Amino acid sequence: MDLSYVLVTPVRNEEATIGTTIECVIAQTVVPKEWVIVSDESTDRTDTIVRDFAARVPYIRLLRLERRPHRSFASVVHATEAGVRALSAADYHFIGLLDADVRFSNNYFEEMLRRFEREPALGLAGGLVVDVVQGKRHRAGQSLRDVAGAVQLYRRACFESLGGLVPLPEGGWDTITCVQARMNGFRTRTVEELEVEHLKPRNAAEGDVWKRHRQLGARAYAVGSHPVFEFTKCAYRCFQRPLLIGGAMRFAGFVNCYLKRKKRQLSPDVIHFIRDEQMKRLLMNGFHSKKDPR
């Protein structure tokens, strides 16, 4: 089986971390055939750092975008798809969407590809993302059937079956790709034993902790989360750091969108599939254990 892969990384003003991520990739035991790093109008030293590496590493290429429209979480999707279109390699079998603020072991991609080789039905996988904030490690709460957008690695057939990424202004494109992959008959999985360190707080661009968690609630609404599932999830999150604030603000963000009846971009079929999965998780875990239903 051919285990060749390509990478696409959207980036904006990541001078503090992009060098670390690049060093992790070029140290891999199995390196990519091509890596397109898409700078979305970066104004710091990000482009300079990428160009310096590209001058020494033949498979790294910088693509800079200019005069971008109004910014939102959808900008990440637009930059990513620009990178996918810019790929020149044609004979690859896996494509990875990689953030510019992550760190992982030298054999990360080799081990990930072995999982795909052993499991032909696996269409989308990634390592377990652990947030590193002020030197402390925090495991992100998510279902192991889903894969964090920071490290999504696709079998090419699975990626192409999506028909493109969904540019939701509230974010959540990575949740939708997992759902769509399963709807298309592929398996999706986070590989717990392969940890990836995320080097800054999630949703950092949204500002303080209050705004970040409130925005997560708006995102949950946008991706069609069931109100019962979201209430249960937020209740559990109240007992996680930041205590009370995280869960309460997330629920406030969700309820605000719900009361306003904000229009969702997703099709009814996708929303139905998401809610059906969520309620099954609640029945299996949430109502019968002390675990976060995720």
Protein backbone atom coordinates (compact mmCIF):
# COMPACT_ATOMS: atom_id res chain seq x y z
CA MET A 1 0.00 0.00 0.00
CA ASP A 2 1.27 3.47 -0.91
CA LEU A 3 1.46 5.56 2.27
CA SER A 4 2.44 8.87 0.65
CA TYR A 5 0.78 11.99 2.03
CA VAL A 6 0.57 15.74 1.53
CA LEU A 7 -0.14 18.50 4.04
CA VAL A 8 -1.98 21.83 3.98
CA THR A 9 -1.59 24.37 6.78
CA PRO A 10 -3.58 27.62 7.01
CA VAL A 11 -1.73 30.22 9.04
CA ARG A 12 -2.11 33.82 10.16
CA ASN A 13 0.39 35.56 12.44
CA GLU A 14 1.86 32.40 13.99
CA GLU A 15 5.49 33.49 14.30
CA ALA A 16 5.63 32.16 17.86
CA THR A 17 4.80 28.57 16.92
CA ILE A 18 5.11 27.94 13.17
CA GLY A 19 8.83 27.17 13.45
CA THR A 20 8.17 24.46 16.03
CA THR A 21 5.53 22.82 13.85
CA ILE A 22 7.77 22.89 10.78
CA GLU A 23 10.64 21.35 12.72
CA CYS A 24 8.33 18.55 13.85
CA VAL A 25 7.33 17.78 10.27
CA ILE A 26 10.81 17.81 8.76
CA ALA A 27 11.99 15.50 11.58
CA GLN A 28 9.35 12.88 10.72
CA THR A 29 10.44 9.34 9.93
CA VAL A 30 8.06 9.55 6.95
CA VAL A 31 7.96 13.05 5.45
CA PRO A 32 5.21 14.45 3.18
CA LYS A 33 5.50 14.60 -0.60
CA GLU A 34 4.36 18.20 -0.48
CA TRP A 35 3.38 20.75 2.16
CA VAL A 36 1.55 23.94 1.22
CA ILE A 37 1.52 26.53 4.00
CA VAL A 38 -1.10 29.19 3.31
CA SER A 39 -0.44 32.58 4.87
CA ASP A 40 -3.71 34.48 5.20
CA GLU A 41 -2.34 38.04 5.13
CA SER A 42 0.09 37.46 8.00
CA THR A 43 1.62 40.72 9.23
CA ASP A 44 4.30 39.35 11.57
CA ARG A 45 7.37 37.21 10.73
CA THR A 46 5.37 34.12 9.79
CA ASP A 47 6.07 34.39 6.05
CA THR A 48 9.78 35.00 6.61
CA ILE A 49 10.06 31.93 8.82
CA VAL A 50 8.26 29.74 6.28
CA ARG A 51 10.38 31.07 3.40
CA ASP A 52 13.58 30.34 5.32
CA PHE A 53 12.54 26.71 5.78
CA ALA A 54 11.24 26.43 2.20
CA ALA A 55 14.66 27.48 0.90
CA ARG A 56 16.14 24.39 2.58
CA VAL A 57 13.30 21.87 2.42
CA PRO A 58 12.12 21.10 -1.13
CA TYR A 59 8.60 19.89 -0.27
CA ILE A 60 7.62 23.07 1.65
CA ARG A 61 5.86 25.82 -0.29
CA LEU A 62 4.43 29.14 0.88
CA LEU A 63 1.19 30.43 -0.62
CA ARG A 64 0.28 33.95 0.45
CA LEU A 65 -3.28 35.26 0.20
CA GLU A 66 -4.00 38.97 -0.16
CA ARG A 67 -7.03 41.26 0.09
CA ARG A 68 -9.18 38.78 1.94
CA PRO A 69 -12.87 39.50 2.66
CA HIS A 70 -14.40 39.97 6.12
CA ARG A 71 -12.74 37.66 8.62
CA SER A 72 -14.47 34.91 10.60
CA PHE A 73 -13.82 31.28 11.41
CA ALA A 74 -14.79 30.57 7.81
CA SER A 75 -11.51 32.22 6.78
CA VAL A 76 -9.65 29.10 7.91
CA VAL A 77 -11.71 27.00 5.51
CA HIS A 78 -11.14 29.38 2.59
CA ALA A 79 -7.39 29.40 3.23
CA THR A 80 -7.29 25.63 3.56
CA GLU A 81 -9.16 25.06 0.32
CA ALA A 82 -6.83 27.50 -1.44
CA GLY A 83 -3.96 25.33 -0.24
CA VAL A 84 -5.63 22.14 -1.44
CA ARG A 85 -6.14 23.67 -4.89
CA ALA A 86 -2.49 24.73 -4.97
CA LEU A 87 -1.14 21.21 -4.43
CA SER A 88 0.98 20.09 -7.37
CA ALA A 89 1.49 16.47 -6.29
CA ALA A 90 -0.99 14.13 -7.94
CA ASP A 91 0.01 10.66 -6.74
CA TYR A 92 -0.65 10.83 -3.01
CA HIS A 93 -3.03 8.66 -0.98
CA PHE A 94 -3.51 10.73 2.19
CA ILE A 95 -4.00 14.43 2.86
CA GLY A 96 -3.48 16.11 6.21
CA LEU A 97 -4.87 19.42 7.44
CA LEU A 98 -2.40 20.59 10.05
CA ASP A 99 -2.45 23.64 12.31
CA ALA A 100 0.61 25.85 12.70
CA ASP A 101 0.69 25.70 16.50
CA VAL A 102 1.15 22.00 17.27
CA ARG A 103 4.02 19.77 18.36
CA PHE A 104 4.28 15.98 18.03
CA SER A 105 6.74 13.06 18.06
CA ASN A 106 9.09 12.26 15.17
CA ASN A 107 7.20 9.08 14.28
CA TYR A 108 3.74 10.63 14.46
CA PHE A 109 2.83 10.40 10.78
CA GLU A 110 4.42 6.98 10.35
CA GLU A 111 2.28 5.63 13.18
CA MET A 112 -0.84 7.35 11.88
CA LEU A 113 -0.36 5.84 8.42
CA ARG A 114 0.05 2.41 9.95
CA ARG A 115 -3.40 2.77 11.52
CA PHE A 116 -4.86 3.46 8.09
CA GLU A 117 -3.01 0.51 6.63
CA ARG A 118 -4.39 -1.84 9.28
CA GLU A 119 -7.95 -0.48 9.02
CA PRO A 120 -9.14 -0.10 5.40
CA ALA A 121 -12.47 1.46 6.45
CA LEU A 122 -10.73 4.24 8.39
CA GLY A 123 -11.22 7.46 6.43
CA LEU A 124 -10.26 10.19 8.89
CA ALA A 125 -8.00 10.05 11.93
CA GLY A 126 -5.72 12.16 14.09
CA GLY A 127 -3.82 12.19 17.34
CA LEU A 128 -5.17 13.20 20.73
CA VAL A 129 -4.81 16.97 21.07
CA VAL A 130 -3.59 18.15 24.47
CA ASP A 131 -3.69 21.89 25.13
CA VAL A 132 -0.51 23.31 26.66
CA VAL A 133 -1.29 26.58 28.42
CA GLN A 134 1.31 28.27 30.63
CA GLY A 135 3.22 25.01 30.86
CA LYS A 136 0.21 22.96 31.97
CA ARG A 137 -1.33 20.20 29.87
CA HIS A 138 -5.10 19.97 29.47
CA ARG A 139 -6.80 17.21 27.49
CA ALA A 140 -9.55 18.56 25.27
CA GLY A 141 -13.00 17.13 25.82
CA GLN A 142 -14.25 15.43 22.68
CA SER A 143 -15.65 12.14 21.50
CA LEU A 144 -12.91 9.80 20.32
CA ARG A 145 -15.02 9.25 17.20
CA ASP A 146 -14.27 12.84 16.23
CA VAL A 147 -10.92 14.29 15.17
CA ALA A 148 -9.68 17.76 16.09
CA GLY A 149 -9.28 20.07 13.10
CA ALA A 150 -5.70 20.79 14.11
CA VAL A 151 -4.57 17.31 13.06
CA GLN A 152 -7.07 15.82 10.62
CA LEU A 153 -5.49 13.21 8.33
CA TYR A 154 -7.72 11.79 5.59
CA ARG A 155 -7.61 8.87 3.26
CA ARG A 156 -7.78 10.65 -0.08
CA ALA A 157 -11.02 8.93 -1.11
CA CYS A 158 -12.63 10.09 2.13
CA PHE A 159 -11.51 13.70 1.69
CA GLU A 160 -12.77 13.83 -1.87
CA SER A 161 -16.11 12.34 -0.83
CA LEU A 162 -16.75 15.42 1.32
CA GLY A 163 -17.08 17.65 -1.72
CA GLY A 164 -15.24 20.45 0.09
CA LEU A 165 -15.18 21.87 3.61
CA VAL A 166 -18.12 23.78 5.12
CA PRO A 167 -17.16 27.43 5.87
CA LEU A 168 -19.29 28.17 8.94
CA PRO A 169 -18.67 31.72 10.28
CA GLU A 170 -18.95 30.34 13.84
CA GLY A 171 -16.42 27.60 13.15
CA GLY A 172 -16.95 23.89 13.57
CA TRP A 173 -15.90 22.79 10.07
CA ASP A 174 -13.87 19.96 11.65
CA THR A 175 -16.96 18.60 13.41
CA ILE A 176 -18.83 18.58 10.12
CA THR A 177 -16.07 16.76 8.24
CA CYS A 178 -16.18 13.96 10.81
CA VAL A 179 -19.95 13.71 10.49
CA GLN A 180 -19.88 13.77 6.70
CA ALA A 181 -17.17 11.13 6.60
CA ARG A 182 -19.29 8.79 8.72
CA MET A 183 -22.35 9.56 6.62
CA ASN A 184 -20.30 8.54 3.57
CA GLY A 185 -19.45 5.18 5.13
CA PHE A 186 -15.97 5.89 6.51
CA ARG A 187 -14.78 5.42 10.08
CA THR A 188 -13.33 8.34 12.02
CA ARG A 189 -11.14 8.07 15.08
CA THR A 190 -8.85 9.92 17.46
CA VAL A 191 -5.81 7.79 18.27
CA GLU A 192 -5.37 8.29 22.02
CA GLU A 193 -1.84 6.93 22.26
CA LEU A 194 -0.52 9.49 19.75
CA GLU A 195 -0.60 12.81 21.58
CA VAL A 196 -0.26 16.18 19.89
CA GLU A 197 0.49 19.29 21.93
CA HIS A 198 -1.54 22.36 21.04
CA LEU A 199 0.63 25.33 21.97
CA LYS A 200 -1.91 28.06 22.67
CA PRO A 201 -5.45 28.39 24.03
CA ARG A 202 -8.17 27.41 21.60
CA ASN A 203 -10.27 30.24 20.19
CA ALA A 204 -7.54 32.62 21.35
CA ALA A 205 -8.55 35.13 18.68
CA GLU A 206 -11.92 35.56 20.38
CA GLY A 207 -10.39 37.33 23.36
CA ASP A 208 -10.87 36.54 27.06
CA VAL A 209 -12.13 33.27 28.51
CA TRP A 210 -15.72 34.55 28.70
CA LYS A 211 -15.88 35.35 25.00
CA ARG A 212 -14.09 32.14 23.99
CA HIS A 213 -16.56 29.87 25.77
CA ARG A 214 -19.57 31.89 24.67
CA GLN A 215 -18.38 31.53 21.08
CA LEU A 216 -18.11 27.76 21.54
CA GLY A 217 -21.79 27.76 22.44
CA ALA A 218 -22.62 29.67 19.26
CA ARG A 219 -20.56 27.13 17.33
CA ALA A 220 -22.45 24.22 18.91
CA TYR A 221 -25.71 25.81 17.77
CA ALA A 222 -24.36 26.36 14.25
CA VAL A 223 -23.42 22.70 13.83
CA GLY A 224 -26.90 21.60 14.92
CA SER A 225 -26.21 20.29 18.42
CA HIS A 226 -29.31 18.92 20.18
CA PRO A 227 -30.43 21.23 23.06
CA VAL A 228 -30.59 18.32 25.54
CA PHE A 229 -27.11 17.17 24.58
CA GLU A 230 -25.71 20.69 24.80
CA PHE A 231 -27.29 21.32 28.22
CA THR A 232 -25.80 18.06 29.54
CA LYS A 233 -22.40 18.85 28.05
CA CYS A 234 -22.36 22.35 29.55
CA ALA A 235 -23.41 21.00 32.95
CA TYR A 236 -20.39 18.70 32.96
CA ARG A 237 -18.13 21.49 31.74
CA CYS A 238 -19.10 23.61 34.76
CA PHE A 239 -16.95 21.26 36.86
CA GLN A 240 -13.93 21.69 34.59
CA ARG A 241 -11.53 24.63 34.47
CA PRO A 242 -12.46 27.41 34.43
CA LEU A 243 -14.98 26.24 37.04
CA LEU A 244 -18.58 27.29 36.30
CA ILE A 245 -17.52 29.98 33.84
CA GLY A 246 -16.75 27.68 30.91
CA GLY A 247 -19.95 25.67 31.00
CA ALA A 248 -22.17 28.63 31.87
CA MET A 249 -20.84 30.90 29.14
CA ARG A 250 -20.95 28.14 26.55
CA PHE A 251 -24.60 27.47 27.38
CA ALA A 252 -25.36 31.21 27.28
CA GLY A 253 -23.88 31.39 23.77
CA PHE A 254 -25.98 28.43 22.65
CA VAL A 255 -29.22 29.74 24.19
CA ASN A 256 -28.69 33.19 22.70
CA CYS A 257 -28.56 31.71 19.19
CA TYR A 258 -31.45 29.36 19.94
CA LEU A 259 -33.76 32.15 21.13
CA LYS A 260 -32.88 34.26 18.09
CA ARG A 261 -33.59 31.24 15.87
CA LYS A 262 -30.44 31.94 13.92
CA LYS A 263 -30.45 30.26 10.54
CA ARG A 264 -28.14 27.28 10.17
CA GLN A 265 -26.21 26.56 6.98
CA LEU A 266 -26.26 22.78 7.38
CA SER A 267 -28.78 20.58 5.61
CA PRO A 268 -31.55 18.92 7.67
CA ASP A 269 -30.02 15.50 6.89
CA VAL A 270 -26.69 16.46 8.44
CA ILE A 271 -28.34 17.99 11.51
CA HIS A 272 -30.51 14.90 11.98
CA PHE A 273 -27.44 12.66 11.76
CA ILE A 274 -25.56 14.80 14.31
CA ARG A 275 -28.44 14.81 16.79
CA ASP A 276 -29.05 11.09 16.39
CA GLU A 277 -25.40 10.39 17.24
CA GLN A 278 -25.50 12.77 20.20
CA MET A 279 -28.57 11.23 21.77
CA LYS A 280 -27.10 7.75 21.36
CA ARG A 281 -23.99 8.95 23.20
CA LEU A 282 -26.12 10.33 26.00
CA LEU A 283 -28.00 7.07 26.36
CA MET A 284 -24.78 5.07 26.44
CA ASN A 285 -22.70 7.42 28.62
CA GLY A 286 -24.22 10.69 29.76
CA PHE A 287 -27.23 9.46 31.69
CA HIS A 288 -25.49 6.45 33.23
CA SER A 289 -22.06 7.67 34.24
CA LYS A 290 -20.14 10.68 35.49
CA LYS A 291 -18.25 11.02 32.24
CA ASP A 292 -18.46 14.06 30.00
CA PRO A 293 -20.80 12.99 27.16
CA ARG A 294 -18.58 14.85 24.69
